[in-house]
Amino acid sequence: MSNKIIAAQHIKTVFNSGSTIAVKYATKTEAWNRTYLDKKVQDDFGKAVEETEVPAGATVVVLA
């Protein structure tokens, strides 16, 4: 069963391997709503995206 992301909130834009990537977190899926995500979790996720290898052509990364 899939859990499609319906809405996401922008955290930041990062540069990784020569690409610009929008970092977001899911605020609504088919199964749940998220009203808040701690700032530290947002910052940690953004940093992780900056430091990890992202697939070529990726333009958006979403924490679900």
N, C-alpha and C. Protein backbone atom coordinates (compact mmCIF):
# COMPACT_ATOMS: atom_id res chain seq x y z
N MET A 1 0.84 -1.18 0.00
CA MET A 1 0.00 0.00 0.00
C MET A 1 0.89 1.24 0.00
N SER A 2 0.61 2.17 -0.87
CA SER A 2 1.40 3.39 -0.94
C SER A 2 0.82 4.45 0.00
N ASN A 3 1.64 5.43 0.31
CA ASN A 3 1.23 6.55 1.15
C ASN A 3 1.70 7.82 0.45
N LYS A 4 0.91 8.27 -0.50
CA LYS A 4 1.28 9.39 -1.35
C LYS A 4 1.38 10.70 -0.56
N ILE A 5 2.46 11.45 -0.82
CA ILE A 5 2.62 12.77 -0.22
C ILE A 5 1.74 13.76 -0.98
N ILE A 6 0.90 14.47 -0.25
CA ILE A 6 -0.03 15.42 -0.84
C ILE A 6 0.48 16.85 -0.71
N ALA A 7 1.14 17.16 0.42
CA ALA A 7 1.67 18.51 0.65
C ALA A 7 2.98 18.44 1.41
N ALA A 8 3.85 19.40 1.15
CA ALA A 8 5.15 19.45 1.82
C ALA A 8 5.54 20.90 2.09
N GLN A 9 6.33 21.09 3.14
CA GLN A 9 6.81 22.41 3.54
C GLN A 9 8.30 22.52 3.20
N HIS A 10 8.68 23.63 2.57
CA HIS A 10 10.08 23.87 2.22
C HIS A 10 10.90 24.12 3.48
N ILE A 11 12.05 23.45 3.60
CA ILE A 11 12.98 23.68 4.69
C ILE A 11 14.08 24.62 4.23
N LYS A 12 14.76 24.24 3.16
CA LYS A 12 15.86 25.04 2.63
C LYS A 12 16.24 24.53 1.25
N THR A 13 17.09 25.27 0.58
CA THR A 13 17.65 24.85 -0.70
C THR A 13 19.13 24.57 -0.46
N VAL A 14 19.61 23.42 -0.94
CA VAL A 14 21.01 23.05 -0.75
C VAL A 14 21.65 22.80 -2.11
N PHE A 15 22.96 22.82 -2.12
CA PHE A 15 23.73 22.51 -3.31
C PHE A 15 24.50 21.23 -3.04
N ASN A 16 24.33 20.23 -3.91
CA ASN A 16 24.93 18.93 -3.71
C ASN A 16 25.36 18.38 -5.06
N SER A 17 26.63 18.04 -5.18
CA SER A 17 27.17 17.46 -6.42
C SER A 17 26.82 18.30 -7.65
N GLY A 18 26.87 19.62 -7.50
CA GLY A 18 26.61 20.50 -8.62
C GLY A 18 25.15 20.75 -8.92
N SER A 19 24.25 20.19 -8.11
CA SER A 19 22.82 20.36 -8.32
C SER A 19 22.20 21.19 -7.20
N THR A 20 21.14 21.92 -7.55
CA THR A 20 20.35 22.64 -6.56
C THR A 20 19.19 21.75 -6.16
N ILE A 21 19.04 21.52 -4.85
CA ILE A 21 18.03 20.58 -4.37
C ILE A 21 17.15 21.26 -3.33
N ALA A 22 15.84 21.20 -3.51
CA ALA A 22 14.89 21.70 -2.53
C ALA A 22 14.69 20.62 -1.47
N VAL A 23 14.90 21.00 -0.22
CA VAL A 23 14.72 20.07 0.91
C VAL A 23 13.39 20.42 1.56
N LYS A 24 12.53 19.42 1.72
CA LYS A 24 11.18 19.64 2.26
C LYS A 24 10.83 18.54 3.25
N TYR A 25 9.76 18.77 4.03
CA TYR A 25 9.18 17.70 4.84
C TYR A 25 7.69 17.60 4.54
N ALA A 26 7.20 16.39 4.55
CA ALA A 26 5.79 16.15 4.25
C ALA A 26 4.92 16.69 5.37
N THR A 27 3.87 17.42 5.00
CA THR A 27 2.92 17.93 5.98
C THR A 27 1.58 17.19 5.88
N LYS A 28 1.37 16.51 4.74
CA LYS A 28 0.13 15.75 4.57
C LYS A 28 0.37 14.61 3.60
N THR A 29 -0.07 13.43 3.98
CA THR A 29 -0.06 12.28 3.08
C THR A 29 -1.47 11.73 3.01
N GLU A 30 -1.64 10.67 2.26
CA GLU A 30 -2.97 10.04 2.20
C GLU A 30 -3.38 9.46 3.55
N ALA A 31 -2.40 9.21 4.44
CA ALA A 31 -2.70 8.56 5.71
C ALA A 31 -2.62 9.47 6.94
N TRP A 32 -1.87 10.57 6.87
CA TRP A 32 -1.68 11.40 8.06
C TRP A 32 -1.39 12.86 7.72
N ASN A 33 -1.51 13.71 8.74
CA ASN A 33 -1.16 15.13 8.66
C ASN A 33 -0.09 15.42 9.70
N ARG A 34 0.88 16.24 9.35
CA ARG A 34 1.91 16.68 10.29
C ARG A 34 1.76 18.20 10.41
N THR A 35 1.50 18.66 11.62
CA THR A 35 1.30 20.09 11.82
C THR A 35 2.58 20.80 12.22
N TYR A 36 3.60 20.03 12.66
CA TYR A 36 4.82 20.66 13.16
C TYR A 36 5.98 19.68 13.04
N LEU A 37 7.15 20.19 12.69
CA LEU A 37 8.38 19.40 12.70
C LEU A 37 9.44 20.25 13.37
N ASP A 38 10.00 19.75 14.46
CA ASP A 38 10.99 20.49 15.24
C ASP A 38 12.09 21.07 14.35
N LYS A 39 12.50 22.29 14.65
CA LYS A 39 13.52 22.99 13.87
C LYS A 39 14.83 22.20 13.82
N LYS A 40 15.20 21.54 14.91
CA LYS A 40 16.44 20.76 14.94
C LYS A 40 16.35 19.59 13.96
N VAL A 41 15.19 18.94 13.88
CA VAL A 41 15.01 17.85 12.93
C VAL A 41 15.12 18.38 11.50
N GLN A 42 14.53 19.53 11.24
CA GLN A 42 14.64 20.16 9.92
C GLN A 42 16.10 20.45 9.58
N ASP A 43 16.81 21.06 10.53
CA ASP A 43 18.22 21.40 10.31
C ASP A 43 19.07 20.15 10.08
N ASP A 44 18.84 19.11 10.88
CA ASP A 44 19.60 17.86 10.74
C ASP A 44 19.32 17.20 9.40
N PHE A 45 18.07 17.23 8.95
CA PHE A 45 17.72 16.63 7.67
C PHE A 45 18.38 17.41 6.53
N GLY A 46 18.33 18.74 6.59
CA GLY A 46 18.98 19.55 5.57
C GLY A 46 20.47 19.28 5.49
N LYS A 47 21.11 19.17 6.63
CA LYS A 47 22.55 18.88 6.67
C LYS A 47 22.85 17.50 6.10
N ALA A 48 22.00 16.53 6.43
CA ALA A 48 22.20 15.17 5.91
C ALA A 48 22.11 15.15 4.38
N VAL A 49 21.17 15.91 3.82
CA VAL A 49 21.02 15.97 2.36
C VAL A 49 22.27 16.61 1.74
N GLU A 50 22.80 17.63 2.40
CA GLU A 50 24.02 18.28 1.89
C GLU A 50 25.21 17.31 1.87
N GLU A 51 25.26 16.40 2.83
CA GLU A 51 26.43 15.53 3.01
C GLU A 51 26.32 14.16 2.34
N THR A 52 25.15 13.79 1.88
CA THR A 52 24.98 12.46 1.30
C THR A 52 25.03 12.50 -0.22
N GLU A 53 25.20 11.37 -0.83
CA GLU A 53 25.18 11.28 -2.29
C GLU A 53 23.73 11.22 -2.75
N VAL A 54 23.34 12.20 -3.53
CA VAL A 54 21.97 12.29 -4.04
C VAL A 54 21.98 11.81 -5.48
N PRO A 55 20.98 11.03 -5.88
CA PRO A 55 20.92 10.53 -7.26
C PRO A 55 20.97 11.68 -8.29
N ALA A 56 21.67 11.45 -9.37
CA ALA A 56 21.77 12.43 -10.45
C ALA A 56 20.38 12.83 -10.93
N GLY A 57 20.18 14.09 -11.12
CA GLY A 57 18.89 14.59 -11.63
C GLY A 57 17.88 14.89 -10.55
N ALA A 58 18.16 14.54 -9.30
CA ALA A 58 17.23 14.82 -8.21
C ALA A 58 17.17 16.33 -7.98
N THR A 59 15.96 16.86 -7.82
CA THR A 59 15.78 18.29 -7.58
C THR A 59 15.05 18.56 -6.28
N VAL A 60 14.39 17.53 -5.72
CA VAL A 60 13.63 17.67 -4.48
C VAL A 60 13.86 16.43 -3.62
N VAL A 61 14.06 16.65 -2.32
CA VAL A 61 14.15 15.57 -1.34
C VAL A 61 13.13 15.88 -0.26
N VAL A 62 12.27 14.90 0.06
CA VAL A 62 11.19 15.11 1.03
C VAL A 62 11.32 14.10 2.17
N LEU A 63 11.33 14.62 3.40
CA LEU A 63 11.29 13.78 4.60
C LEU A 63 9.83 13.44 4.85
N ALA A 64 9.52 12.16 4.81
CA ALA A 64 8.11 11.74 5.03
C ALA A 64 7.95 11.11 6.39
